[in-house]
Amino acid sequence: MLRQVLSVVLGHVDSGKTSFLDRIRSTNIQQEEAGGISQRIFASVVTIQTIKTVCGDLIAPFKLSIPGIVFIDTPGHEVFTSLRRRGGSVADIAVVMVDVNKGLEAQTKESINILKEYKVPFIIALNKIDNITGWLSRNTSFSNNLKLQNKNAVNELDLKLYKVVEELYQLGFNSERFDRLSDFSKQVAIIPCSAKTGEGIPEVLAFLSGLAQKFLSSKIELHLKEGRGSVIEVENKVGVGSVMNVVLYDGVLREGDEILFFTLTGIVKSRVKSLIEQLEKGEKRVSEAVAACGLSIFCDSADKAVPGSPVFVVKGDEEELKKKIEEEVEGIIIETNKEGSIVKADALGSLEAISLMFKKNGIEIRKAEIGNVTKRDVSEAFLMKSKVKYSAIFAFNVPVNEDALLEAKSSGVKIFSTNIIYQLVDDYKKWVDDEKAKERQNMLQKVVLPVKIKILKCFRASNPCILGVEVLDGVLRGGCELMNSNSKVIGRVEGVQSEKKNIEKAVKGEQVAISIDSCIFGRHVFDDDILYSVIPENDFPLLEKLEGNIELLEEIKKIQKQAKNY
């Protein structure tokens, strides 16, 4: 027996996710939510009857036997990391909404990378084609409406569509417009549509249903009698109280069932007091729910449930079920004695995605927890700084407490805060590179840099000797001693000038004036002489590590070594 297909709808803020579902269900959810941006995850069913009505002849070749699709509409400010389960995702298939005029935006790319990590197939709904100049959009299939468009509008759509094709290729996916696909199993379908007018929605539903039935039939079979689900979020529902919003992905859940779920203080057992199932149009209190569906569960300790954690109906060996829950969260919530950074996030799925990305990028984690960044976290990170130079705190989609911010500022602990996972890594890498560059500059300030110069002209013969020189290689700074190619020291550089202004340094290719003490032109130095900086023996190892100009270093070392042997 096939269950309903679980599909997650993803995309950047304001890409039209809720409007897409709104068009299918003929509801007005989008208008009711603040600022036109979806404020919470919302699960709803689109029955096979609705699919057949909307798609018409488009689904005739598929001979659908699925009972329907449960769409999960993620909040406008988050990715789909709450929809996790051990070894993959709760979602069977995904719809990625893309604004045709914007292409793949930051959160869209992140969503696609997470889908790739969890091996969830997806289609692209290229939304808002009604905004293309000259495009006449109607509430019909894209295929029918395409015939009515002028050539310029069709060309503009193709330009924008193939920009998305290129962006998907950069992420590792081959893709094509749905009616030009050559291999459904190897290419991502891109379906132009308009949630506003309804154009293309039949193709989106048809492809989603057909692909799910053709390639996912083994996954969408009901396997268990006892309900299994995943916590999406905790919500305070008016007239009910705190509830867990859950995706039931297998089995049956009934009022009165005892369930096990994970909280930050451990695994909790609680009895289901009431169930509210989210349906095609609205929601309804039910005594029994069969997978797959979206549910609000009212029970004791519901407000303590951790998003992304499992919910199991207790039947049979309770200890075995607890062990399975522990295995689900094992390795995600981390508290070790290892040297590394601290991660705080909003959900288990977020922690899991961050851990995977950090592991790939070689970023060590000392502690990974759900919740706000606290003063205690900052204190721990400060102690860690003495052991791990580039340790930091990462806050994903969670606030940083005010006292923690003050403590971080006074102690110099770096906090990275964002709601885009890969940005945590990018920002961290940039910070590390900047810190290393500062350290390198500070260390280079303490050593004599290698330099090779050529005398071009004499402005004053002595007291001090002022010469016009060209920097042939390296960096010339004031304060360094100069020697000739026979290792004879001819004096110390007192100053460097360019266009009669004092400068800190001159680099390869620059011509400057220098003043040298204890040097007389015509006795110690002459036109076209080549001079080198005298480098203290202890500076060589550090310069070899930092400077990178090995050839010049070796040349100077050789000259100084010859003088020593002589």
Protein backbone atom coordinates (compact mmCIF):
# COMPACT_ATOMS: atom_id res chain seq x y z
CA MET A 1 0.00 0.00 0.00
CA LEU A 2 1.41 3.36 -1.05
CA ARG A 3 1.24 6.25 1.38
CA GLN A 4 0.98 9.90 0.44
CA VAL A 5 4.16 11.44 -0.93
CA LEU A 6 6.03 13.84 1.36
CA SER A 7 7.26 16.85 -0.57
CA VAL A 8 9.09 19.81 0.87
CA VAL A 9 8.82 23.23 -0.79
CA LEU A 10 12.04 25.22 -0.61
CA GLY A 11 13.45 28.46 -1.88
CA HIS A 12 14.77 31.89 -1.03
CA VAL A 13 12.65 34.37 0.92
CA ASP A 14 9.76 35.68 -1.19
CA SER A 15 10.37 33.22 -4.04
CA GLY A 16 6.67 32.31 -4.04
CA LYS A 17 6.60 29.09 -1.99
CA THR A 18 3.35 29.73 -0.12
CA SER A 19 1.74 31.33 -3.17
CA PHE A 20 2.48 28.10 -5.04
CA LEU A 21 0.58 26.02 -2.44
CA ASP A 22 -2.07 28.70 -2.21
CA ARG A 23 -2.76 28.36 -5.92
CA ILE A 24 -3.13 24.58 -5.64
CA ARG A 25 -5.37 24.61 -2.58
CA SER A 26 -7.34 27.74 -3.51
CA THR A 27 -6.84 29.09 0.02
CA ASN A 28 -5.69 32.48 1.26
CA ILE A 29 -2.88 31.54 3.62
CA GLN A 30 -0.34 33.89 2.05
CA GLN A 31 -2.47 36.97 2.65
CA GLU A 32 -2.97 36.10 6.30
CA GLU A 33 0.71 35.82 7.15
CA ALA A 34 2.76 38.80 8.31
CA GLY A 35 4.58 40.72 5.62
CA GLY A 36 3.69 38.21 2.91
CA ILE A 37 6.44 35.90 4.18
CA SER A 38 5.51 32.49 5.60
CA GLN A 39 5.97 32.65 9.36
CA ARG A 40 5.91 28.91 10.21
CA ILE A 41 6.10 25.49 8.62
CA PHE A 42 2.71 24.41 7.30
CA ALA A 43 1.86 20.89 6.12
CA SER A 44 -1.10 20.27 3.86
CA VAL A 45 -2.50 17.53 1.69
CA VAL A 46 -3.22 17.74 -2.01
CA THR A 47 -5.41 14.73 -2.77
CA ILE A 48 -5.20 12.64 -5.90
CA GLN A 49 -8.59 14.07 -6.90
CA THR A 50 -7.18 17.63 -6.78
CA ILE A 51 -4.10 16.53 -8.73
CA LYS A 52 -6.27 14.98 -11.44
CA THR A 53 -8.49 18.07 -11.59
CA VAL A 54 -5.56 20.48 -11.92
CA CYS A 55 -3.46 18.34 -14.27
CA GLY A 56 -6.12 16.95 -16.57
CA ASP A 57 -4.64 15.07 -19.53
CA LEU A 58 -1.05 15.74 -18.39
CA ILE A 59 -1.14 12.85 -15.90
CA ALA A 60 -2.88 10.34 -18.18
CA PRO A 61 0.43 8.59 -19.09
CA PHE A 62 1.38 8.11 -15.42
CA LYS A 63 -1.64 6.04 -14.24
CA LEU A 64 -1.24 7.38 -10.72
CA SER A 65 -1.93 5.19 -7.71
CA ILE A 66 -0.51 7.46 -5.01
CA PRO A 67 -3.24 8.77 -2.65
CA GLY A 68 -1.89 12.32 -2.74
CA ILE A 69 0.95 14.63 -1.77
CA VAL A 70 1.71 16.23 1.62
CA PHE A 71 3.50 19.52 1.04
CA ILE A 72 5.71 20.98 3.76
CA ASP A 73 6.05 24.75 3.36
CA THR A 74 9.20 25.87 5.18
CA PRO A 75 9.44 29.31 6.84
CA GLY A 76 10.75 32.16 4.74
CA HIS A 77 13.92 32.56 6.81
CA GLU A 78 15.06 28.92 7.10
CA VAL A 79 16.24 25.91 5.13
CA PHE A 80 14.74 22.47 5.43
CA THR A 81 17.15 21.06 8.04
CA SER A 82 14.31 20.33 10.50
CA LEU A 83 13.04 17.63 8.12
CA ARG A 84 15.86 15.26 9.00
CA ARG A 85 15.95 11.63 10.02
CA ARG A 86 18.89 9.31 10.58
CA GLY A 87 20.54 8.50 7.27
CA GLY A 88 18.59 10.98 5.18
CA SER A 89 15.44 13.07 5.09
CA VAL A 90 11.78 12.78 5.95
CA ALA A 91 10.99 14.30 2.54
CA ASP A 92 10.57 11.96 -0.44
CA ILE A 93 10.90 14.66 -3.09
CA ALA A 94 11.24 18.44 -3.18
CA VAL A 95 10.02 21.44 -5.12
CA VAL A 96 12.62 24.20 -5.27
CA MET A 97 11.01 27.56 -6.02
CA VAL A 98 13.19 29.93 -8.04
CA ASP A 99 12.31 33.49 -9.03
CA VAL A 100 12.86 33.59 -12.80
CA ASN A 101 14.29 37.13 -12.58
CA LYS A 102 16.73 36.36 -9.74
CA GLY A 103 18.00 32.85 -10.42
CA LEU A 104 19.53 30.76 -7.66
CA GLU A 105 19.88 32.92 -4.56
CA ALA A 106 21.90 32.18 -1.43
CA GLN A 107 19.28 30.22 0.52
CA THR A 108 18.19 28.39 -2.64
CA LYS A 109 21.74 27.16 -3.24
CA GLU A 110 22.00 26.08 0.37
CA SER A 111 18.69 24.21 0.14
CA ILE A 112 19.88 22.41 -3.00
CA ASN A 113 23.15 21.44 -1.33
CA ILE A 114 21.22 20.00 1.63
CA LEU A 115 18.95 18.07 -0.74
CA LYS A 116 22.09 16.74 -2.41
CA GLU A 117 23.57 15.74 0.96
CA TYR A 118 20.38 13.90 1.95
CA LYS A 119 19.94 12.41 -1.57
CA VAL A 120 16.45 13.91 -2.02
CA PRO A 121 15.35 14.27 -5.69
CA PHE A 122 13.86 17.61 -6.69
CA ILE A 123 12.34 19.64 -9.49
CA ILE A 124 12.76 23.37 -10.12
CA ALA A 125 9.61 25.50 -10.28
CA LEU A 126 10.80 28.57 -12.19
CA ASN A 127 8.27 30.98 -10.74
CA LYS A 128 7.00 34.47 -11.64
CA ILE A 129 7.22 34.10 -15.42
CA ASP A 130 4.27 36.51 -15.55
CA ASN A 131 6.88 39.23 -14.79
CA ILE A 132 8.79 38.56 -18.01
CA THR A 133 8.44 41.48 -20.41
CA GLY A 134 5.73 40.77 -22.97
CA TRP A 135 4.73 37.41 -21.49
CA LEU A 136 0.96 36.83 -21.46
CA SER A 137 0.30 34.54 -18.52
CA ARG A 138 -2.96 32.63 -18.05
CA ASN A 139 -4.35 30.03 -15.66
CA THR A 140 -3.51 27.05 -17.84
CA SER A 141 -0.65 24.68 -18.56
CA PHE A 142 2.67 26.17 -19.65
CA SER A 143 2.63 23.96 -22.74
CA ASN A 144 -0.68 25.40 -23.96
CA ASN A 145 0.23 28.98 -23.11
CA LEU A 146 3.67 28.83 -24.74
CA LYS A 147 2.06 28.67 -28.18
CA LEU A 148 0.51 32.12 -27.66
CA GLN A 149 3.71 33.99 -26.73
CA ASN A 150 5.67 36.34 -28.96
CA LYS A 151 9.20 35.41 -29.97
CA ASN A 152 10.94 38.07 -27.83
CA ALA A 153 9.19 36.92 -24.65
CA VAL A 154 10.06 33.26 -25.38
CA ASN A 155 13.70 34.21 -26.00
CA GLU A 156 13.87 36.17 -22.75
CA LEU A 157 12.47 33.20 -20.82
CA ASP A 158 15.07 30.93 -22.42
CA LEU A 159 17.89 33.31 -21.46
CA LYS A 160 16.77 33.34 -17.83
CA LEU A 161 16.08 29.60 -17.77
CA TYR A 162 19.53 28.69 -19.13
CA LYS A 163 21.14 30.97 -16.59
CA VAL A 164 19.55 28.70 -13.96
CA VAL A 165 20.77 25.64 -15.92
CA GLU A 166 24.32 27.04 -15.70
CA GLU A 167 23.97 27.77 -11.97
CA LEU A 168 22.69 24.24 -11.32
CA TYR A 169 25.62 22.81 -13.30
CA GLN A 170 27.99 24.68 -10.98
CA LEU A 171 26.30 22.88 -8.08
CA GLY A 172 26.79 19.51 -9.78
CA PHE A 173 23.41 18.99 -11.51
CA ASN A 174 22.46 18.56 -15.15
CA SER A 175 19.10 20.18 -15.87
CA GLU A 176 16.79 21.17 -18.73
CA ARG A 177 13.35 22.56 -19.37
CA PHE A 178 10.88 19.76 -18.60
CA ASP A 179 9.70 19.32 -22.20
CA ARG A 180 13.28 19.06 -23.47
CA LEU A 181 14.51 16.41 -21.01
CA SER A 182 16.35 13.43 -22.49
CA ASP A 183 16.77 11.41 -19.26
CA PHE A 184 14.36 11.85 -16.35
CA SER A 185 16.62 9.88 -14.00
CA LYS A 186 19.75 11.99 -14.62
CA GLN A 187 18.43 15.50 -15.32
CA VAL A 188 16.60 17.96 -13.09
CA ALA A 189 13.33 19.18 -14.60
CA ILE A 190 12.88 22.96 -14.74
CA ILE A 191 9.21 23.94 -15.05
CA PRO A 192 8.38 27.59 -15.86
CA CYS A 193 5.30 28.66 -13.90
CA SER A 194 3.43 31.48 -12.22
CA ALA A 195 1.90 30.92 -8.80
CA LYS A 196 0.08 34.23 -9.32
CA THR A 197 -1.82 33.25 -12.49
CA GLY A 198 -1.67 29.45 -12.21
CA GLU A 199 0.31 28.95 -15.41
CA GLY A 200 2.57 25.89 -15.31
CA ILE A 201 1.15 24.58 -12.02
CA PRO A 202 -0.39 21.56 -13.82
CA GLU A 203 3.07 20.54 -15.09
CA VAL A 204 4.64 20.99 -11.64
CA LEU A 205 2.05 18.70 -10.04
CA ALA A 206 2.15 16.20 -12.89
CA PHE A 207 5.94 15.86 -12.83
CA LEU A 208 6.05 15.70 -9.03
CA SER A 209 3.42 12.96 -8.92
CA GLY A 210 4.77 10.99 -11.87
CA LEU A 211 8.41 11.06 -10.74
CA ALA A 212 7.44 10.09 -7.18
CA GLN A 213 5.43 7.10 -8.36
CA LYS A 214 7.98 5.95 -10.95
CA PHE A 215 11.19 6.28 -8.94
CA LEU A 216 10.09 6.28 -5.28
CA SER A 217 7.43 3.56 -5.07
CA SER A 218 9.50 1.42 -2.68
CA LYS A 219 10.13 4.38 -0.39
CA ILE A 220 6.49 5.46 -0.16
CA GLU A 221 5.16 2.05 0.84
CA LEU A 222 3.75 1.82 4.38
CA HIS A 223 6.04 -0.45 6.40
CA LEU A 224 5.05 -0.14 10.07
CA LYS A 225 1.94 -0.36 12.17
CA GLU A 226 3.26 1.95 14.89
CA GLY A 227 3.65 5.60 14.04
CA ARG A 228 7.04 7.14 13.31
CA GLY A 229 7.50 10.84 12.81
CA SER A 230 9.85 13.79 12.99
CA VAL A 231 9.36 17.01 14.96
CA ILE A 232 9.25 20.02 12.65
CA GLU A 233 8.67 22.74 15.23
CA VAL A 234 7.01 23.56 18.53
CA GLU A 235 4.08 25.95 18.31
CA ASN A 236 1.69 27.62 20.74
CA LYS A 237 -1.68 26.89 19.12
CA VAL A 238 -4.58 29.15 20.13
CA GLY A 239 -7.17 27.29 22.19
CA VAL A 240 -4.94 24.24 22.61
CA GLY A 241 -1.57 25.25 24.06
CA SER A 242 1.91 24.07 23.19
CA VAL A 243 1.94 21.43 20.47
CA MET A 244 4.54 19.58 18.44
CA ASN A 245 4.12 19.98 14.70
CA VAL A 246 5.17 16.60 13.36
CA VAL A 247 5.51 14.92 9.98
CA LEU A 248 4.23 11.35 10.35
CA TYR A 249 6.22 9.43 7.73
CA ASP A 250 5.26 5.85 8.59
CA GLY A 251 2.62 3.89 10.51
CA VAL A 252 -0.43 5.02 12.49
CA LEU A 253 -0.76 7.44 15.44
CA ARG A 254 -3.87 7.54 17.66
CA GLU A 255 -5.20 9.61 20.52
CA GLY A 256 -4.19 7.92 23.76
CA ASP A 257 -1.00 6.43 22.32
CA GLU A 258 2.13 6.77 24.38
CA ILE A 259 4.96 8.36 22.45
CA LEU A 260 8.69 8.84 23.00
CA PHE A 261 10.48 11.98 21.87
CA PHE A 262 13.72 13.82 22.54
CA THR A 263 14.19 16.93 24.72
CA LEU A 264 17.34 18.74 25.81
CA THR A 265 17.07 17.00 29.19
CA GLY A 266 16.64 13.53 27.71
CA ILE A 267 14.02 11.22 26.20
CA VAL A 268 10.45 11.84 27.39
CA LYS A 269 7.45 9.50 27.35
CA SER A 270 4.06 11.19 27.08
CA ARG A 271 0.46 10.29 26.22
CA VAL A 272 -1.20 11.89 23.19
CA LYS A 273 -4.12 14.02 24.43
CA SER A 274 -5.29 15.22 21.03
CA LEU A 275 -4.32 15.19 17.37
CA ILE A 276 -4.92 17.92 14.82
CA GLU A 277 -4.33 16.85 11.22
CA GLN A 278 -3.56 19.42 8.54
CA LEU A 279 -5.74 18.74 5.53
CA GLU A 280 -6.19 20.10 2.03
CA LYS A 281 -8.31 22.98 3.27
CA GLY A 282 -7.64 23.79 6.90
CA GLU A 283 -7.13 21.41 9.80
CA LYS A 284 -9.27 19.00 11.78
CA ARG A 285 -9.09 17.21 15.12
CA VAL A 286 -8.84 13.46 14.52
CA SER A 287 -8.64 10.37 16.70
CA GLU A 288 -6.31 8.57 14.30
CA ALA A 289 -3.78 9.61 11.65
CA VAL A 290 -2.15 7.46 8.98
CA ALA A 291 1.18 8.31 7.32
CA ALA A 292 2.08 10.39 5.56
CA CYS A 293 0.61 13.56 7.00
CA GLY A 294 1.27 16.71 8.97
CA LEU A 295 0.06 16.66 12.59
CA SER A 296 -0.08 18.88 15.63
CA ILE A 297 0.32 16.71 18.74
CA PHE A 298 -0.92 17.98 22.09
CA CYS A 299 0.74 16.20 25.03
CA ASP A 300 2.72 16.88 28.18
CA SER A 301 6.22 18.30 27.57
CA ALA A 302 5.40 19.09 23.91
CA ASP A 303 6.99 22.51 24.37
CA LYS A 304 10.33 20.83 25.22
CA ALA A 305 10.55 18.73 22.03
CA VAL A 306 13.64 19.36 19.92
CA PRO A 307 12.99 20.18 16.23
CA GLY A 308 14.46 17.56 13.96
CA SER A 309 14.21 14.78 16.55
CA PRO A 310 12.16 11.56 16.15
CA VAL A 311 8.74 10.71 17.58
CA PHE A 312 7.99 7.01 18.12
CA VAL A 313 4.76 5.34 19.25
CA VAL A 314 5.53 3.06 22.22
CA LYS A 315 4.63 -0.54 21.37
CA GLY A 316 6.72 -3.51 22.40
CA ASP A 317 10.29 -3.00 23.67
CA GLU A 318 10.44 0.55 25.05
CA GLU A 319 14.17 0.37 25.78
CA GLU A 320 14.88 -0.63 22.20
CA LEU A 321 12.92 2.41 20.96
CA LYS A 322 14.85 4.69 23.35
CA LYS A 323 18.07 3.24 22.00
CA LYS A 324 16.94 4.06 18.44
CA ILE A 325 16.18 7.66 19.42
CA GLU A 326 19.59 7.95 21.06
CA GLU A 327 21.15 6.63 17.85
CA GLU A 328 19.19 9.24 15.86
CA VAL A 329 20.68 12.14 17.83
CA GLU A 330 24.05 10.53 18.51
CA GLY A 331 26.92 12.51 17.06
CA ILE A 332 24.79 15.61 16.47
CA ILE A 333 24.56 17.10 19.97
CA ILE A 334 28.22 17.15 20.95
CA GLU A 335 30.00 17.93 24.22
CA THR A 336 33.59 16.75 24.30
CA ASN A 337 36.98 17.60 25.71
CA LYS A 338 38.29 18.07 22.19
CA GLU A 339 39.90 21.34 21.21
CA GLY A 340 37.68 23.25 18.81
CA SER A 341 34.81 25.69 18.32
CA ILE A 342 31.31 25.93 19.80
CA VAL A 343 28.19 25.61 17.62
CA LYS A 344 24.69 26.69 18.72
CA ALA A 345 21.69 26.14 16.44
CA ASP A 346 17.90 26.03 16.30
CA ALA A 347 17.33 22.37 15.39
CA LEU A 348 18.98 18.97 15.18
CA GLY A 349 18.91 19.15 11.41
CA SER A 350 20.78 22.44 11.49
CA LEU A 351 23.44 20.97 13.79
CA GLU A 352 23.74 17.93 11.53
CA ALA A 353 24.15 20.00 8.37
CA ILE A 354 26.69 22.29 10.07
CA SER A 355 28.66 19.32 11.41
CA LEU A 356 28.82 17.74 7.95
CA MET A 357 29.98 20.98 6.35
CA PHE A 358 32.52 21.70 9.10
CA LYS A 359 33.95 18.19 8.79
CA LYS A 360 34.43 18.68 5.05
CA ASN A 361 36.23 21.96 5.71
CA GLY A 362 38.39 20.71 8.57
CA ILE A 363 36.76 22.83 11.29
CA GLU A 364 36.90 21.04 14.66
CA ILE A 365 33.85 21.17 16.95
CA ARG A 366 34.20 21.03 20.72
CA LYS A 367 30.52 21.50 21.54
CA ALA A 368 27.34 21.51 19.43
CA GLU A 369 24.05 22.30 21.14
CA ILE A 370 20.57 23.66 20.53
CA GLY A 371 19.78 27.06 22.06
CA ASN A 372 20.94 30.65 22.40
CA VAL A 373 24.58 31.65 22.76
CA THR A 374 25.16 32.24 26.49
CA LYS A 375 27.81 33.94 28.60
CA ARG A 376 29.00 30.48 29.63
CA ASP A 377 29.61 29.60 25.97
CA VAL A 378 31.76 32.71 25.59
CA SER A 379 33.75 31.91 28.73
CA GLU A 380 34.42 28.40 27.44
CA ALA A 381 35.44 29.74 24.03
CA PHE A 382 37.80 32.23 25.71
CA LEU A 383 39.59 29.44 27.59
CA MET A 384 39.80 27.48 24.33
CA LYS A 385 41.55 30.39 22.57
CA SER A 386 44.75 29.67 24.51
CA LYS A 387 44.80 26.14 23.00
CA VAL A 388 43.22 26.67 19.59
CA LYS A 389 44.19 29.98 18.01
CA TYR A 390 41.23 30.20 15.65
CA SER A 391 38.44 28.80 17.83
CA ALA A 392 35.14 30.69 17.69
CA ILE A 393 31.40 30.50 18.38
CA PHE A 394 28.94 29.79 15.55
CA ALA A 395 25.30 30.81 16.02
CA PHE A 396 22.92 29.47 13.37
CA ASN A 397 19.41 30.91 13.45
CA VAL A 398 19.59 31.55 17.22
CA PRO A 399 20.03 34.78 19.21
CA VAL A 400 23.16 35.73 21.11
CA ASN A 401 22.25 36.75 24.68
CA GLU A 402 23.11 40.36 25.53
CA ASP A 403 25.49 39.42 28.37
CA ALA A 404 27.20 36.99 25.99
CA LEU A 405 27.74 39.78 23.45
CA LEU A 406 29.30 42.02 26.11
CA GLU A 407 31.52 39.20 27.36
CA ALA A 408 32.64 38.36 23.81
CA LYS A 409 33.51 41.99 23.12
CA SER A 410 35.61 42.35 26.28
CA SER A 411 37.36 38.96 25.93
CA GLY A 412 37.94 39.07 22.16
CA VAL A 413 35.92 35.94 21.37
CA LYS A 414 34.70 35.89 17.77
CA ILE A 415 31.01 35.07 17.20
CA PHE A 416 29.67 34.22 13.74
CA SER A 417 25.89 34.60 13.44
CA THR A 418 23.79 33.89 10.34
CA ASN A 419 20.86 31.86 8.98
CA ILE A 420 22.79 30.55 5.98
CA ILE A 421 24.98 27.57 6.84
CA TYR A 422 27.64 27.89 4.15
CA GLN A 423 28.06 31.56 5.11
CA LEU A 424 29.30 30.40 8.52
CA VAL A 425 32.12 28.54 6.78
CA ASP A 426 32.87 31.34 4.31
CA ASP A 427 32.91 34.01 7.03
CA TYR A 428 35.07 31.82 9.28
CA LYS A 429 37.61 31.12 6.53
CA LYS A 430 37.84 34.81 5.65
CA TRP A 431 38.34 35.68 9.33
CA VAL A 432 41.09 33.05 9.70
CA ASP A 433 42.83 34.34 6.55
CA ASP A 434 42.60 37.93 7.82
CA GLU A 435 43.96 36.93 11.24
CA LYS A 436 46.83 35.02 9.66
CA ALA A 437 47.61 38.00 7.43
CA LYS A 438 47.71 40.29 10.49
CA GLU A 439 49.95 37.85 12.35
CA ARG A 440 52.22 37.59 9.34
CA GLN A 441 52.48 41.36 9.06
CA ASN A 442 53.22 41.67 12.79
CA MET A 443 55.95 39.04 12.56
CA LEU A 444 57.42 40.57 9.41
CA GLN A 445 57.66 43.91 11.21
CA LYS A 446 60.08 42.27 13.65
CA VAL A 447 62.51 40.85 11.08
CA VAL A 448 64.80 42.28 8.43
CA LEU A 449 63.21 41.70 5.03
CA PRO A 450 65.28 40.52 2.07
CA VAL A 451 65.89 43.23 -0.54
CA LYS A 452 68.08 43.69 -3.59
CA ILE A 453 68.61 47.20 -4.97
CA LYS A 454 70.59 48.87 -7.74
CA ILE A 455 72.20 52.32 -7.39
CA LEU A 456 70.97 54.64 -10.15
CA LYS A 457 72.22 58.07 -9.06
CA CYS A 458 73.96 59.96 -6.27
CA PHE A 459 72.24 63.05 -4.82
CA ARG A 460 74.70 63.59 -1.95
CA ALA A 461 78.03 61.83 -1.48
CA SER A 462 78.06 61.72 2.37
CA ASN A 463 76.70 62.91 5.74
CA PRO A 464 74.40 61.18 4.95
CA CYS A 465 74.88 59.63 1.56
CA ILE A 466 71.70 60.06 -0.48
CA LEU A 467 71.19 57.75 -3.43
CA GLY A 468 68.56 57.13 -6.07
CA VAL A 469 67.92 53.38 -6.27
CA GLU A 470 65.66 50.83 -7.92
CA VAL A 471 64.26 47.89 -5.97
CA LEU A 472 65.14 44.83 -8.07
CA ASP A 473 63.56 42.34 -5.67
CA GLY A 474 62.08 42.11 -2.18
CA VAL A 475 60.98 44.95 0.11
CA LEU A 476 63.10 47.93 1.13
CA ARG A 477 62.45 49.44 4.58
CA GLY A 478 64.29 51.98 6.70
CA GLY A 479 66.54 50.65 9.46
CA CYS A 480 68.12 47.73 7.59
CA GLU A 481 71.86 47.40 6.98
CA LEU A 482 73.06 47.11 3.38
CA MET A 483 75.96 45.10 2.00
CA ASN A 484 77.49 44.68 -1.43
CA SER A 485 77.87 41.41 -3.34
CA ASN A 486 81.16 40.77 -1.50
CA SER A 487 79.27 40.91 1.82
CA LYS A 488 80.94 44.17 2.85
CA VAL A 489 78.53 46.23 4.99
CA ILE A 490 78.34 49.78 3.64
CA GLY A 491 75.86 51.35 6.11
CA ARG A 492 72.32 51.50 7.48
CA VAL A 493 69.26 52.89 5.64
CA GLU A 494 68.08 55.89 7.65
CA GLY A 495 65.09 56.75 5.50
CA VAL A 496 63.22 56.07 2.25
CA GLN A 497 61.55 58.79 0.16
CA SER A 498 59.37 58.92 -2.94
CA GLU A 499 58.66 62.27 -4.56
CA LYS A 500 60.24 64.00 -1.51
CA LYS A 501 57.83 62.27 0.90
CA ASN A 502 58.90 59.75 3.53
CA ILE A 503 57.49 56.27 2.92
CA GLU A 504 57.55 53.12 5.04
CA LYS A 505 58.63 50.76 2.28
CA ALA A 506 59.36 50.33 -1.42
CA VAL A 507 58.70 47.17 -3.40
CA LYS A 508 60.03 45.52 -6.54
CA GLY A 509 60.08 47.86 -9.55
CA GLU A 510 59.86 51.11 -7.56
CA GLN A 511 62.53 53.84 -7.79
CA VAL A 512 63.13 55.79 -4.59
CA ALA A 513 65.71 57.89 -2.75
CA ILE A 514 67.45 56.49 0.34
CA SER A 515 69.78 58.00 2.92
CA ILE A 516 72.65 55.84 4.30
CA ASP A 517 74.76 56.63 7.34
CA SER A 518 78.55 56.05 7.42
CA CYS A 519 78.69 55.73 3.65
CA ILE A 520 80.63 57.77 1.09
CA PHE A 521 79.73 57.62 -2.58
CA GLY A 522 82.83 57.04 -4.72
CA ARG A 523 84.62 55.22 -1.90
CA HIS A 524 82.14 52.64 -0.55
CA VAL A 525 79.56 52.57 -3.34
CA PHE A 526 79.39 53.45 -7.02
CA ASP A 527 76.86 53.81 -9.84
CA ASP A 528 75.22 50.50 -10.86
CA ASP A 529 76.33 48.75 -7.66
CA ILE A 530 74.00 46.01 -6.42
CA LEU A 531 73.27 46.09 -2.68
CA TYR A 532 71.49 43.61 -0.40
CA SER A 533 69.95 43.75 3.05
CA VAL A 534 71.96 42.14 5.84
CA ILE A 535 69.73 39.52 7.48
CA PRO A 536 70.45 38.34 11.04
CA GLU A 537 70.97 34.58 11.22
CA ASN A 538 67.96 34.09 13.54
CA ASP A 539 65.63 35.77 11.02
CA PHE A 540 66.23 33.23 8.23
CA PRO A 541 63.99 30.39 9.56
CA LEU A 542 61.05 32.76 10.10
CA LEU A 543 61.50 34.42 6.71
CA GLU A 544 61.62 31.04 4.99
CA LYS A 545 58.27 30.26 6.61
CA LEU A 546 56.57 33.64 6.03
CA GLU A 547 58.19 35.50 3.19
CA GLY A 548 57.95 33.11 0.28
CA ASN A 549 60.79 34.83 -1.67
CA ILE A 550 63.08 31.82 -1.29
CA GLU A 551 65.37 32.63 -4.25
CA LEU A 552 66.37 36.04 -2.88
CA LEU A 553 66.75 34.63 0.62
CA GLU A 554 69.10 31.92 -0.68
CA GLU A 555 71.10 34.51 -2.62
CA ILE A 556 71.59 36.65 0.50
CA LYS A 557 72.31 33.60 2.67
CA LYS A 558 74.99 32.48 0.21
CA ILE A 559 76.68 35.90 0.25
CA GLN A 560 76.66 36.06 4.05
CA LYS A 561 77.88 32.46 4.34
CA GLN A 562 80.83 33.18 2.03
CA ALA A 563 81.84 36.14 4.20
CA LYS A 564 81.62 33.98 7.33
CA ASN A 565 83.80 31.25 5.81
CA TYR A 566 86.31 33.81 4.55
